[in-house]
Amino acid sequence: MPDERARWSIRFTPVPADGTPVIVEARFRDVVLQDDADVDEWTRRVDVDLARFGGGIDLLIDLSGLRVLPAASRRFGEMRARILAKHARQSVRYGADRWTATSVNTSRVLHGADANIYATREAALAALIEARRAL
């Protein structure tokens, strides 16, 4: 059976916006976190990619291509919180399926990581820009 992780696509691109820090959009495709090993590989890749932007970025996260299954949820919550604490000043997300949304919201409660899930990219970006103005 081929390694499903070989199909994963994880991309981070700057979003045109006025001001500093930079807004970076995260996009995932075919990323299914089934167990702790998947979460650890996801964490490694995300950490390496975000490091190139420096710290204190604002993240706009498209969750439509990321699925967190129940067996991976606890570890995902821990690692998501660490990644956000290390790299992000604030974050918003959109496009989550119900399992992934549950994992994100659970890690907000357990680890204090931002949840902020919006129905659309436009709503998420507007909320992020408004939050930037408030800081």
Protein backbone atom coordinates (compact mmCIF):
# COMPACT_ATOMS: atom_id res chain seq x y z
CA MET A 1 0.00 0.00 0.00
CA PRO A 2 1.53 3.36 -0.99
CA ASP A 3 2.22 5.98 1.67
CA GLU A 4 -0.80 8.30 1.67
CA ARG A 5 1.41 11.12 2.93
CA ALA A 6 3.10 11.25 -0.47
CA ARG A 7 -0.16 12.70 -1.84
CA TRP A 8 -0.30 15.51 0.69
CA SER A 9 -0.01 19.07 -0.54
CA ILE A 10 0.70 21.73 2.08
CA ARG A 11 1.25 25.29 0.84
CA PHE A 12 1.77 28.62 2.54
CA THR A 13 1.52 31.82 0.51
CA PRO A 14 1.51 35.49 1.48
CA VAL A 15 -1.81 37.29 1.02
CA PRO A 16 -1.63 40.84 -0.33
CA ALA A 17 -2.55 43.12 2.56
CA ASP A 18 -1.41 46.38 4.02
CA GLY A 19 0.65 46.29 7.13
CA THR A 20 2.91 44.11 9.13
CA PRO A 21 2.91 41.33 10.12
CA VAL A 22 2.40 39.37 6.97
CA ILE A 23 -0.84 37.46 6.38
CA VAL A 24 -0.01 33.94 5.25
CA GLU A 25 -2.64 31.63 3.78
CA ALA A 26 -2.33 27.92 4.54
CA ARG A 27 -3.84 25.48 2.07
CA PHE A 28 -3.98 21.73 2.41
CA ARG A 29 -4.93 19.15 -0.20
CA ASP A 30 -5.43 15.42 0.39
CA VAL A 31 -4.13 15.67 3.97
CA VAL A 32 -5.83 13.05 6.13
CA LEU A 33 -4.51 12.70 9.67
CA GLN A 34 -5.40 9.20 10.78
CA ASP A 35 -3.03 8.66 13.70
CA ASP A 36 -0.23 10.21 15.76
CA ALA A 37 2.41 9.41 13.13
CA ASP A 38 0.43 11.39 10.55
CA VAL A 39 0.12 14.30 12.97
CA ASP A 40 3.86 14.25 13.66
CA GLU A 41 4.63 14.37 9.92
CA TRP A 42 2.08 17.16 9.42
CA THR A 43 3.69 19.09 12.28
CA ARG A 44 7.18 18.65 10.86
CA ARG A 45 6.14 19.91 7.42
CA VAL A 46 4.10 22.84 8.72
CA ASP A 47 6.85 23.90 11.13
CA VAL A 48 9.51 23.91 8.39
CA ASP A 49 7.31 25.81 5.95
CA LEU A 50 6.18 28.45 8.44
CA ALA A 51 9.73 29.05 9.68
CA ARG A 52 10.60 30.76 6.40
CA PHE A 53 8.18 33.60 7.25
CA GLY A 54 9.69 34.31 10.66
CA GLY A 55 7.54 34.58 13.75
CA GLY A 56 4.46 36.61 14.50
CA ILE A 57 2.54 36.11 11.27
CA ASP A 58 -1.22 36.20 10.87
CA LEU A 59 -2.62 32.96 9.45
CA LEU A 60 -5.61 32.50 7.15
CA ILE A 61 -6.16 28.73 7.11
CA ASP A 62 -8.16 26.82 4.50
CA LEU A 63 -9.18 23.57 6.20
CA SER A 64 -11.13 22.15 3.26
CA GLY A 65 -8.25 19.86 2.27
CA LEU A 66 -7.40 18.73 5.82
CA ARG A 67 -9.27 15.96 7.61
CA VAL A 68 -8.51 15.12 11.22
CA LEU A 69 -9.93 11.73 12.14
CA PRO A 70 -10.85 10.93 15.75
CA ALA A 71 -7.77 8.76 16.42
CA ALA A 72 -5.50 11.70 15.52
CA SER A 73 -7.52 14.42 17.22
CA ARG A 74 -5.79 14.57 20.61
CA ARG A 75 -2.27 14.76 19.17
CA PHE A 76 -3.41 17.20 16.48
CA GLY A 77 -4.79 19.53 19.13
CA GLU A 78 -1.52 19.53 21.06
CA MET A 79 0.66 20.07 18.01
CA ARG A 80 -1.65 22.66 16.46
CA ALA A 81 -1.42 24.71 19.65
CA ARG A 82 2.39 24.50 19.61
CA ILE A 83 2.63 25.51 15.96
CA LEU A 84 0.34 28.50 16.49
CA ALA A 85 2.20 29.61 19.62
CA LYS A 86 5.53 29.40 17.81
CA HIS A 87 4.64 31.02 14.49
CA ALA A 88 1.35 32.94 14.61
CA ARG A 89 0.23 36.15 16.17
CA GLN A 90 -3.39 35.29 15.37
CA SER A 91 -5.24 32.90 13.10
CA VAL A 92 -8.60 32.32 11.46
CA ARG A 93 -9.86 29.39 9.45
CA TYR A 94 -12.58 28.31 7.08
CA GLY A 95 -13.76 25.23 5.20
CA ALA A 96 -13.58 22.67 8.02
CA ASP A 97 -15.45 19.38 7.90
CA ARG A 98 -17.21 18.35 11.12
CA TRP A 99 -14.40 16.10 12.42
CA THR A 100 -11.74 18.73 11.83
CA ALA A 101 -13.92 21.50 13.29
CA THR A 102 -14.44 19.37 16.40
CA SER A 103 -10.68 18.84 16.75
CA VAL A 104 -9.97 22.55 16.31
CA ASN A 105 -12.61 23.57 18.85
CA THR A 106 -11.49 20.92 21.33
CA SER A 107 -7.89 22.12 21.15
CA ARG A 108 -9.11 25.66 21.78
CA VAL A 109 -10.62 24.49 25.05
CA LEU A 110 -7.77 22.19 26.10
CA HIS A 111 -4.77 24.16 24.86
CA GLY A 112 -5.97 27.73 24.36
CA ALA A 113 -5.28 27.74 20.61
CA ASP A 114 -7.37 30.00 18.38
CA ALA A 115 -10.42 28.35 16.84
CA ASN A 116 -12.18 31.13 14.89
CA ILE A 117 -13.82 29.02 12.18
CA TYR A 118 -15.76 30.93 9.52
CA ALA A 119 -18.11 29.72 6.79
CA THR A 120 -16.17 31.30 3.92
CA ARG A 121 -12.71 32.55 3.03
CA GLU A 122 -14.08 36.06 2.63
CA ALA A 123 -15.59 36.06 6.13
CA ALA A 124 -12.39 34.66 7.64
CA LEU A 125 -10.18 37.21 5.89
CA ALA A 126 -12.49 40.09 6.88
CA ALA A 127 -12.37 38.94 10.52
CA LEU A 128 -8.58 38.71 10.40
CA ILE A 129 -8.23 42.19 8.93
CA GLU A 130 -10.62 43.59 11.55
CA ALA A 131 -8.65 41.88 14.33
CA ARG A 132 -5.44 43.40 12.96
CA ARG A 133 -6.99 46.86 13.18
CA ALA A 134 -7.98 46.25 16.80
CA LEU A 135 -4.43 45.42 17.90
